[in-house]
Amino acid sequence: MSDKTLYLIQSSFIYTDHILNQLDQLYGSHDHVVLMGDAVLFAADQRLTNKQNLYLLENDAEILSESIPENFKSISYPQFAQLVLDFNRCISLK
């Protein structure tokens, strides 16, 4: 998986728009993205609709007023830990 990157989007709500713009410049078709904390409120953002391998933590998804978008997979903490271990390159965007 050396050519793949795991992006952890952990930004506060106010900075997530800027972070998603950064992600558009960095994201490759084989990369994976996890939205965490307030960033899950951007799960329905148009910039994420054309991306694959999108995740959010099931505990963080509780703050969504709507259902989880179909292009996202809700994962538990143990699944998240395993996902992180599967990557050689992990970038946290705050």
PDB file of N, CA and C in Angstrom:
ATOM      1  N   MET A   1       0.811  -1.206   0.000  1.00  0.00           N
ATOM      2  CA  MET A   1       0.000   0.000   0.000  1.00  0.00           C
ATOM      3  C   MET A   1       0.848   1.262   0.000  1.00  0.00           C
ATOM      4  N   SER A   2       2.068   1.174  -0.370  1.00  0.00           N
ATOM      5  CA  SER A   2       2.953   2.329  -0.282  1.00  0.00           C
ATOM      6  C   SER A   2       2.522   3.475  -1.175  1.00  0.00           C
ATOM      7  N   ASP A   3       1.726   3.207  -2.215  1.00  0.00           N
ATOM      8  CA  ASP A   3       1.285   4.277  -3.091  1.00  0.00           C
ATOM      9  C   ASP A   3      -0.041   4.884  -2.645  1.00  0.00           C
ATOM     10  N   LYS A   4      -0.585   4.393  -1.568  1.00  0.00           N
ATOM     11  CA  LYS A   4      -1.861   4.884  -1.055  1.00  0.00           C
ATOM     12  C   LYS A   4      -1.640   5.679   0.219  1.00  0.00           C
ATOM     13  N   THR A   5      -2.497   6.676   0.435  1.00  0.00           N
ATOM     14  CA  THR A   5      -2.406   7.514   1.622  1.00  0.00           C
ATOM     15  C   THR A   5      -3.738   7.489   2.352  1.00  0.00           C
ATOM     16  N   LEU A   6      -3.673   7.456   3.662  1.00  0.00           N
ATOM     17  CA  LEU A   6      -4.858   7.589   4.502  1.00  0.00           C
ATOM     18  C   LEU A   6      -4.883   9.012   5.033  1.00  0.00           C
ATOM     19  N   TYR A   7      -5.937   9.744   4.708  1.00  0.00           N
ATOM     20  CA  TYR A   7      -6.099  11.116   5.189  1.00  0.00           C
ATOM     21  C   TYR A   7      -7.094  11.121   6.340  1.00  0.00           C
ATOM     22  N   LEU A   8      -6.669  11.647   7.479  1.00  0.00           N
ATOM     23  CA  LEU A   8      -7.532  11.796   8.647  1.00  0.00           C
ATOM     24  C   LEU A   8      -7.924  13.263   8.733  1.00  0.00           C
ATOM     25  N   ILE A   9      -9.186  13.549   8.477  1.00  0.00           N
ATOM     26  CA  ILE A   9      -9.681  14.926   8.530  1.00  0.00           C
ATOM     27  C   ILE A   9     -10.242  15.151   9.928  1.00  0.00           C
ATOM     28  N   GLN A  10      -9.483  15.888  10.753  1.00  0.00           N
ATOM     29  CA  GLN A  10      -9.827  16.095  12.162  1.00  0.00           C
ATOM     30  C   GLN A  10     -10.041  17.571  12.477  1.00  0.00           C
ATOM     31  N   SER A  11     -10.383  18.340  11.497  1.00  0.00           N
ATOM     32  CA  SER A  11     -10.484  19.787  11.680  1.00  0.00           C
ATOM     33  C   SER A  11     -11.769  20.177  12.399  1.00  0.00           C
ATOM     34  N   SER A  12     -11.721  21.333  13.036  1.00  0.00           N
ATOM     35  CA  SER A  12     -12.938  21.883  13.632  1.00  0.00           C
ATOM     36  C   SER A  12     -13.847  22.340  12.496  1.00  0.00           C
ATOM     37  N   PHE A  13     -15.096  22.554  12.793  1.00  0.00           N
ATOM     38  CA  PHE A  13     -16.073  22.912  11.764  1.00  0.00           C
ATOM     39  C   PHE A  13     -15.626  24.118  10.949  1.00  0.00           C
ATOM     40  N   ILE A  14     -15.101  25.122  11.604  1.00  0.00           N
ATOM     41  CA  ILE A  14     -14.742  26.369  10.928  1.00  0.00           C
ATOM     42  C   ILE A  14     -13.607  26.185   9.916  1.00  0.00           C
ATOM     43  N   TYR A  15     -12.728  25.211  10.103  1.00  0.00           N
ATOM     44  CA  TYR A  15     -11.585  25.002   9.212  1.00  0.00           C
ATOM     45  C   TYR A  15     -11.807  23.886   8.178  1.00  0.00           C
ATOM     46  N   THR A  16     -12.871  23.125   8.306  1.00  0.00           N
ATOM     47  CA  THR A  16     -13.066  21.970   7.435  1.00  0.00           C
ATOM     48  C   THR A  16     -13.207  22.356   5.971  1.00  0.00           C
ATOM     49  N   ASP A  17     -13.846  23.465   5.676  1.00  0.00           N
ATOM     50  CA  ASP A  17     -13.972  23.905   4.284  1.00  0.00           C
ATOM     51  C   ASP A  17     -12.584  24.064   3.655  1.00  0.00           C
ATOM     52  N   HIS A  18     -11.691  24.728   4.354  1.00  0.00           N
ATOM     53  CA  HIS A  18     -10.324  24.924   3.873  1.00  0.00           C
ATOM     54  C   HIS A  18      -9.602  23.582   3.721  1.00  0.00           C
ATOM     55  N   ILE A  19      -9.785  22.693   4.661  1.00  0.00           N
ATOM     56  CA  ILE A  19      -9.136  21.380   4.618  1.00  0.00           C
ATOM     57  C   ILE A  19      -9.633  20.571   3.422  1.00  0.00           C
ATOM     58  N   LEU A  20     -10.922  20.645   3.114  1.00  0.00           N
ATOM     59  CA  LEU A  20     -11.442  19.916   1.958  1.00  0.00           C
ATOM     60  C   LEU A  20     -10.869  20.458   0.652  1.00  0.00           C
ATOM     61  N   ASN A  21     -10.606  21.752   0.602  1.00  0.00           N
ATOM     62  CA  ASN A  21      -9.930  22.323  -0.569  1.00  0.00           C
ATOM     63  C   ASN A  21      -8.517  21.768  -0.687  1.00  0.00           C
ATOM     64  N   GLN A  22      -7.814  21.642   0.438  1.00  0.00           N
ATOM     65  CA  GLN A  22      -6.479  21.048   0.445  1.00  0.00           C
ATOM     66  C   GLN A  22      -6.537  19.592  -0.010  1.00  0.00           C
ATOM     67  N   LEU A  23      -7.523  18.869   0.497  1.00  0.00           N
ATOM     68  CA  LEU A  23      -7.672  17.459   0.153  1.00  0.00           C
ATOM     69  C   LEU A  23      -7.857  17.289  -1.350  1.00  0.00           C
ATOM     70  N   ASP A  24      -8.603  18.168  -1.992  1.00  0.00           N
ATOM     71  CA  ASP A  24      -8.797  18.087  -3.439  1.00  0.00           C
ATOM     72  C   ASP A  24      -7.473  18.141  -4.191  1.00  0.00           C
ATOM     73  N   GLN A  25      -6.522  18.868  -3.671  1.00  0.00           N
ATOM     74  CA  GLN A  25      -5.216  18.993  -4.323  1.00  0.00           C
ATOM     75  C   GLN A  25      -4.326  17.784  -4.058  1.00  0.00           C
ATOM     76  N   LEU A  26      -4.541  17.089  -2.939  1.00  0.00           N
ATOM     77  CA  LEU A  26      -3.683  15.985  -2.532  1.00  0.00           C
ATOM     78  C   LEU A  26      -4.219  14.602  -2.905  1.00  0.00           C
ATOM     79  N   TYR A  27      -5.512  14.466  -2.972  1.00  0.00           N
ATOM     80  CA  TYR A  27      -6.187  13.174  -3.076  1.00  0.00           C
ATOM     81  C   TYR A  27      -5.874  12.458  -4.387  1.00  0.00           C
ATOM     82  N   GLY A  28      -5.541  11.175  -4.276  1.00  0.00           N
ATOM     83  CA  GLY A  28      -5.374  10.299  -5.424  1.00  0.00           C
ATOM     84  C   GLY A  28      -6.470   9.244  -5.419  1.00  0.00           C
ATOM     85  N   SER A  29      -6.731   8.649  -6.543  1.00  0.00           N
ATOM     86  CA  SER A  29      -7.871   7.730  -6.674  1.00  0.00           C
ATOM     87  C   SER A  29      -7.792   6.505  -5.765  1.00  0.00           C
ATOM     88  N   HIS A  30      -6.610   6.160  -5.276  1.00  0.00           N
ATOM     89  CA  HIS A  30      -6.471   4.992  -4.399  1.00  0.00           C
ATOM     90  C   HIS A  30      -6.377   5.362  -2.927  1.00  0.00           C
ATOM     91  N   ASP A  31      -6.486   6.646  -2.625  1.00  0.00           N
ATOM     92  CA  ASP A  31      -6.388   7.108  -1.241  1.00  0.00           C
ATOM     93  C   ASP A  31      -7.677   6.846  -0.479  1.00  0.00           C
ATOM     94  N   HIS A  32      -7.568   6.882   0.843  1.00  0.00           N
ATOM     95  CA  HIS A  32      -8.714   6.699   1.733  1.00  0.00           C
ATOM     96  C   HIS A  32      -8.824   7.936   2.624  1.00  0.00           C
ATOM     97  N   VAL A  33     -10.057   8.261   3.033  1.00  0.00           N
ATOM     98  CA  VAL A  33     -10.307   9.459   3.832  1.00  0.00           C
ATOM     99  C   VAL A  33     -11.214   9.089   4.998  1.00  0.00           C
ATOM    100  N   VAL A  34     -10.838   9.542   6.195  1.00  0.00           N
ATOM    101  CA  VAL A  34     -11.671   9.357   7.381  1.00  0.00           C
ATOM    102  C   VAL A  34     -12.032  10.735   7.913  1.00  0.00           C
ATOM    103  N   LEU A  35     -13.330  11.011   8.033  1.00  0.00           N
ATOM    104  CA  LEU A  35     -13.795  12.242   8.667  1.00  0.00           C
ATOM    105  C   LEU A  35     -14.000  11.953  10.142  1.00  0.00           C
ATOM    106  N   MET A  36     -13.512  12.877  10.980  1.00  0.00           N
ATOM    107  CA  MET A  36     -13.588  12.675  12.424  1.00  0.00           C
ATOM    108  C   MET A  36     -14.077  13.953  13.100  1.00  0.00           C
ATOM    109  N   GLY A  37     -14.730  13.810  14.233  1.00  0.00           N
ATOM    110  CA  GLY A  37     -15.188  14.972  14.998  1.00  0.00           C
ATOM    111  C   GLY A  37     -16.146  15.835  14.192  1.00  0.00           C
ATOM    112  N   ASP A  38     -15.986  17.157  14.308  1.00  0.00           N
ATOM    113  CA  ASP A  38     -16.855  18.100  13.606  1.00  0.00           C
ATOM    114  C   ASP A  38     -16.811  17.950  12.091  1.00  0.00           C
ATOM    115  N   ALA A  39     -15.735  17.411  11.565  1.00  0.00           N
ATOM    116  CA  ALA A  39     -15.599  17.260  10.116  1.00  0.00           C
ATOM    117  C   ALA A  39     -16.675  16.356   9.518  1.00  0.00           C
ATOM    118  N   VAL A  40     -17.283  15.475  10.315  1.00  0.00           N
ATOM    119  CA  VAL A  40     -18.341  14.616   9.780  1.00  0.00           C
ATOM    120  C   VAL A  40     -19.550  15.426   9.315  1.00  0.00           C
ATOM    121  N   LEU A  41     -19.681  16.647   9.802  1.00  0.00           N
ATOM    122  CA  LEU A  41     -20.782  17.500   9.362  1.00  0.00           C
ATOM    123  C   LEU A  41     -20.651  17.878   7.886  1.00  0.00           C
ATOM    124  N   PHE A  42     -19.489  17.617   7.296  1.00  0.00           N
ATOM    125  CA  PHE A  42     -19.255  17.887   5.877  1.00  0.00           C
ATOM    126  C   PHE A  42     -19.371  16.621   5.020  1.00  0.00           C
ATOM    127  N   ALA A  43     -19.920  15.552   5.573  1.00  0.00           N
ATOM    128  CA  ALA A  43     -20.001  14.278   4.854  1.00  0.00           C
ATOM    129  C   ALA A  43     -20.778  14.402   3.542  1.00  0.00           C
ATOM    130  N   ALA A  44     -21.744  15.282   3.476  1.00  0.00           N
ATOM    131  CA  ALA A  44     -22.548  15.454   2.258  1.00  0.00           C
ATOM    132  C   ALA A  44     -21.972  16.520   1.327  1.00  0.00           C
ATOM    133  N   ASP A  45     -20.792  17.022   1.620  1.00  0.00           N
ATOM    134  CA  ASP A  45     -20.176  18.075   0.810  1.00  0.00           C
ATOM    135  C   ASP A  45     -19.920  17.590  -0.620  1.00  0.00           C
ATOM    136  N   GLN A  46     -20.182  18.438  -1.571  1.00  0.00           N
ATOM    137  CA  GLN A  46     -20.039  18.115  -2.989  1.00  0.00           C
ATOM    138  C   GLN A  46     -18.618  17.657  -3.338  1.00  0.00           C
ATOM    139  N   ARG A  47     -17.617  18.186  -2.669  1.00  0.00           N
ATOM    140  CA  ARG A  47     -16.227  17.821  -2.967  1.00  0.00           C
ATOM    141  C   ARG A  47     -15.912  16.377  -2.621  1.00  0.00           C
ATOM    142  N   LEU A  48     -16.748  15.737  -1.829  1.00  0.00           N
ATOM    143  CA  LEU A  48     -16.506  14.347  -1.440  1.00  0.00           C
ATOM    144  C   LEU A  48     -17.310  13.348  -2.271  1.00  0.00           C
ATOM    145  N   THR A  49     -18.252  13.817  -3.054  1.00  0.00           N
ATOM    146  CA  THR A  49     -19.122  12.896  -3.798  1.00  0.00           C
ATOM    147  C   THR A  49     -18.385  12.099  -4.865  1.00  0.00           C
ATOM    148  N   ASN A  50     -17.288  12.626  -5.399  1.00  0.00           N
ATOM    149  CA  ASN A  50     -16.565  11.921  -6.452  1.00  0.00           C
ATOM    150  C   ASN A  50     -15.375  11.120  -5.901  1.00  0.00           C
ATOM    151  N   LYS A  51     -15.266  11.036  -4.607  1.00  0.00           N
ATOM    152  CA  LYS A  51     -14.151  10.304  -3.990  1.00  0.00           C
ATOM    153  C   LYS A  51     -14.618   8.932  -3.512  1.00  0.00           C
ATOM    154  N   GLN A  52     -13.678   8.000  -3.494  1.00  0.00           N
ATOM    155  CA  GLN A  52     -13.964   6.644  -3.034  1.00  0.00           C
ATOM    156  C   GLN A  52     -13.277   6.415  -1.695  1.00  0.00           C
ATOM    157  N   ASN A  53     -13.596   5.305  -1.061  1.00  0.00           N
ATOM    158  CA  ASN A  53     -12.944   4.901   0.188  1.00  0.00           C
ATOM    159  C   ASN A  53     -13.085   5.961   1.281  1.00  0.00           C
ATOM    160  N   LEU A  54     -14.314   6.331   1.555  1.00  0.00           N
ATOM    161  CA  LEU A  54     -14.615   7.346   2.570  1.00  0.00           C
ATOM    162  C   LEU A  54     -15.185   6.673   3.812  1.00  0.00           C
ATOM    163  N   TYR A  55     -14.718   7.132   4.973  1.00  0.00           N
ATOM    164  CA  TYR A  55     -15.143   6.550   6.240  1.00  0.00           C
ATOM    165  C   TYR A  55     -15.459   7.648   7.247  1.00  0.00           C
ATOM    166  N   LEU A  56     -16.275   7.297   8.217  1.00  0.00           N
ATOM    167  CA  LEU A  56     -16.436   8.135   9.399  1.00  0.00           C
ATOM    168  C   LEU A  56     -16.664   7.218  10.586  1.00  0.00           C
ATOM    169  N   LEU A  57     -16.229   7.688  11.739  1.00  0.00           N
ATOM    170  CA  LEU A  57     -16.369   6.887  12.952  1.00  0.00           C
ATOM    171  C   LEU A  57     -17.829   6.861  13.375  1.00  0.00           C
ATOM    172  N   GLU A  58     -18.315   5.679  13.716  1.00  0.00           N
ATOM    173  CA  GLU A  58     -19.725   5.543  14.062  1.00  0.00           C
ATOM    174  C   GLU A  58     -20.107   6.424  15.255  1.00  0.00           C
ATOM    175  N   ASN A  59     -19.214   6.618  16.199  1.00  0.00           N
ATOM    176  CA  ASN A  59     -19.514   7.492  17.344  1.00  0.00           C
ATOM    177  C   ASN A  59     -19.648   8.945  16.904  1.00  0.00           C
ATOM    178  N   ASP A  60     -18.820   9.381  15.948  1.00  0.00           N
ATOM    179  CA  ASP A  60     -18.892  10.751  15.450  1.00  0.00           C
ATOM    180  C   ASP A  60     -20.112  10.970  14.562  1.00  0.00           C
ATOM    181  N   ALA A  61     -20.584   9.916  13.918  1.00  0.00           N
ATOM    182  CA  ALA A  61     -21.749  10.021  13.027  1.00  0.00           C
ATOM    183  C   ALA A  61     -23.019  10.388  13.789  1.00  0.00           C
ATOM    184  N   GLU A  62     -23.007  10.236  15.093  1.00  0.00           N
ATOM    185  CA  GLU A  62     -24.182  10.559  15.907  1.00  0.00           C
ATOM    186  C   GLU A  62     -24.552  12.032  15.847  1.00  0.00           C
ATOM    187  N   ILE A  63     -23.607  12.904  15.459  1.00  0.00           N
ATOM    188  CA  ILE A  63     -23.927  14.334  15.392  1.00  0.00           C
ATOM    189  C   ILE A  63     -24.597  14.722  14.068  1.00  0.00           C
ATOM    190  N   LEU A  64     -24.692  13.788  13.128  1.00  0.00           N
ATOM    191  CA  LEU A  64     -25.349  14.080  11.858  1.00  0.00           C
ATOM    192  C   LEU A  64     -26.857  14.144  12.052  1.00  0.00           C
ATOM    193  N   SER A  65     -27.481  15.143  11.458  1.00  0.00           N
ATOM    194  CA  SER A  65     -28.935  15.257  11.548  1.00  0.00           C
ATOM    195  C   SER A  65     -29.619  14.378  10.505  1.00  0.00           C
ATOM    196  N   GLU A  66     -28.884  14.001   9.468  1.00  0.00           N
ATOM    197  CA  GLU A  66     -29.409  13.135   8.421  1.00  0.00           C
ATOM    198  C   GLU A  66     -28.661  11.803   8.457  1.00  0.00           C
ATOM    199  N   SER A  67     -29.075  10.879   7.611  1.00  0.00           N
ATOM    200  CA  SER A  67     -28.394   9.587   7.574  1.00  0.00           C
ATOM    201  C   SER A  67     -27.013   9.732   6.931  1.00  0.00           C
ATOM    202  N   ILE A  68     -26.192   8.739   7.140  1.00  0.00           N
ATOM    203  CA  ILE A  68     -24.834   8.737   6.594  1.00  0.00           C
ATOM    204  C   ILE A  68     -24.933   8.618   5.073  1.00  0.00           C
ATOM    205  N   PRO A  69     -24.246   9.499   4.343  1.00  0.00           N
ATOM    206  CA  PRO A  69     -24.274   9.401   2.873  1.00  0.00           C
ATOM    207  C   PRO A  69     -23.823   8.023   2.389  1.00  0.00           C
ATOM    208  N   GLU A  70     -24.385   7.583   1.267  1.00  0.00           N
ATOM    209  CA  GLU A  70     -24.120   6.244   0.751  1.00  0.00           C
ATOM    210  C   GLU A  70     -22.661   6.004   0.393  1.00  0.00           C
ATOM    211  N   ASN A  71     -21.924   7.060   0.067  1.00  0.00           N
ATOM    212  CA  ASN A  71     -20.526   6.881  -0.334  1.00  0.00           C
ATOM    213  C   ASN A  71     -19.585   6.757   0.859  1.00  0.00           C
ATOM    214  N   PHE A  72     -20.125   6.792   2.081  1.00  0.00           N
ATOM    215  CA  PHE A  72     -19.333   6.636   3.305  1.00  0.00           C
ATOM    216  C   PHE A  72     -19.610   5.298   3.959  1.00  0.00           C
ATOM    217  N   LYS A  73     -18.588   4.794   4.633  1.00  0.00           N
ATOM    218  CA  LYS A  73     -18.743   3.597   5.446  1.00  0.00           C
ATOM    219  C   LYS A  73     -18.529   4.005   6.899  1.00  0.00           C
ATOM    220  N   SER A  74     -19.453   3.656   7.747  1.00  0.00           N
ATOM    221  CA  SER A  74     -19.331   3.920   9.175  1.00  0.00           C
ATOM    222  C   SER A  74     -18.494   2.808   9.799  1.00  0.00           C
ATOM    223  N   ILE A  75     -17.455   3.204  10.558  1.00  0.00           N
ATOM    224  CA  ILE A  75     -16.562   2.209  11.154  1.00  0.00           C
ATOM    225  C   ILE A  75     -16.445   2.421  12.661  1.00  0.00           C
ATOM    226  N   SER A  76     -16.173   1.342  13.363  1.00  0.00           N
ATOM    227  CA  SER A  76     -15.963   1.377  14.813  1.00  0.00           C
ATOM    228  C   SER A  76     -14.508   1.748  15.097  1.00  0.00           C
ATOM    229  N   TYR A  77     -14.187   1.976  16.358  1.00  0.00           N
ATOM    230  CA  TYR A  77     -12.801   2.274  16.727  1.00  0.00           C
ATOM    231  C   TYR A  77     -11.849   1.126  16.405  1.00  0.00           C
ATOM    232  N   PRO A  78     -12.218  -0.135  16.678  1.00  0.00           N
ATOM    233  CA  PRO A  78     -11.311  -1.228  16.299  1.00  0.00           C
ATOM    234  C   PRO A  78     -11.089  -1.307  14.781  1.00  0.00           C
ATOM    235  N   GLN A  79     -12.143  -1.053  14.000  1.00  0.00           N
ATOM    236  CA  GLN A  79     -11.987  -1.032  12.538  1.00  0.00           C
ATOM    237  C   GLN A  79     -11.098   0.123  12.102  1.00  0.00           C
ATOM    238  N   PHE A  80     -11.230   1.253  12.772  1.00  0.00           N
ATOM    239  CA  PHE A  80     -10.385   2.408  12.481  1.00  0.00           C
ATOM    240  C   PHE A  80      -8.922   2.088  12.772  1.00  0.00           C
ATOM    241  N   ALA A  81      -8.661   1.459  13.900  1.00  0.00           N
ATOM    242  CA  ALA A  81      -7.292   1.089  14.262  1.00  0.00           C
ATOM    243  C   ALA A  81      -6.700   0.153  13.216  1.00  0.00           C
ATOM    244  N   GLN A  82      -7.480  -0.802  12.761  1.00  0.00           N
ATOM    245  CA  GLN A  82      -6.990  -1.730  11.733  1.00  0.00           C
ATOM    246  C   GLN A  82      -6.732  -0.996  10.420  1.00  0.00           C
ATOM    247  N   LEU A  83      -7.598  -0.061  10.071  1.00  0.00           N
ATOM    248  CA  LEU A  83      -7.412   0.723   8.850  1.00  0.00           C
ATOM    249  C   LEU A  83      -6.097   1.500   8.901  1.00  0.00           C
ATOM    250  N   VAL A  84      -5.824   2.134  10.020  1.00  0.00           N
ATOM    251  CA  VAL A  84      -4.579   2.893  10.178  1.00  0.00           C
ATOM    252  C   VAL A  84      -3.369   1.969  10.034  1.00  0.00           C
ATOM    253  N   LEU A  85      -3.441   0.783  10.604  1.00  0.00           N
ATOM    254  CA  LEU A  85      -2.321  -0.159  10.533  1.00  0.00           C
ATOM    255  C   LEU A  85      -2.081  -0.672   9.111  1.00  0.00           C
ATOM    256  N   ASP A  86      -3.086  -0.579   8.267  1.00  0.00           N
ATOM    257  CA  ASP A  86      -2.961  -1.057   6.890  1.00  0.00           C
ATOM    258  C   ASP A  86      -2.205  -0.088   5.976  1.00  0.00           C
ATOM    259  N   PHE A  87      -1.895   1.101   6.480  1.00  0.00           N
ATOM    260  CA  PHE A  87      -1.257   2.124   5.652  1.00  0.00           C
ATOM    261  C   PHE A  87       0.151   2.451   6.140  1.00  0.00           C
ATOM    262  N   ASN A  88       1.046   2.681   5.199  1.00  0.00           N
ATOM    263  CA  ASN A  88       2.391   3.142   5.516  1.00  0.00           C
ATOM    264  C   ASN A  88       2.431   4.661   5.630  1.00  0.00           C
ATOM    265  N   ARG A  89       1.490   5.317   4.949  1.00  0.00           N
ATOM    266  CA  ARG A  89       1.473   6.787   4.941  1.00  0.00           C
ATOM    267  C   ARG A  89       0.096   7.271   5.411  1.00  0.00           C
ATOM    268  N   CYS A  90       0.104   8.015   6.500  1.00  0.00           N
ATOM    269  CA  CYS A  90      -1.118   8.547   7.100  1.00  0.00           C
ATOM    270  C   CYS A  90      -0.896  10.036   7.359  1.00  0.00           C
ATOM    271  N   ILE A  91      -1.813  10.864   6.845  1.00  0.00           N
ATOM    272  CA  ILE A  91      -1.681  12.311   6.988  1.00  0.00           C
ATOM    273  C   ILE A  91      -2.901  12.851   7.722  1.00  0.00           C
ATOM    274  N   SER A  92      -2.656  13.568   8.789  1.00  0.00           N
ATOM    275  CA  SER A  92      -3.728  14.199   9.568  1.00  0.00           C
ATOM    276  C   SER A  92      -3.849  15.663   9.134  1.00  0.00           C
ATOM    277  N   LEU A  93      -5.037  16.023   8.695  1.00  0.00           N
ATOM    278  CA  LEU A  93      -5.316  17.405   8.289  1.00  0.00           C
ATOM    279  C   LEU A  93      -6.223  18.036   9.341  1.00  0.00           C
ATOM    280  N   LYS A  94      -5.697  19.065   9.976  1.00  0.00           N
ATOM    281  CA  LYS A  94      -6.449  19.737  11.046  1.00  0.00           C
ATOM    282  C   LYS A  94      -6.659  21.160  10.659  1.00  0.00           C
TER     283      LYS A  94
END
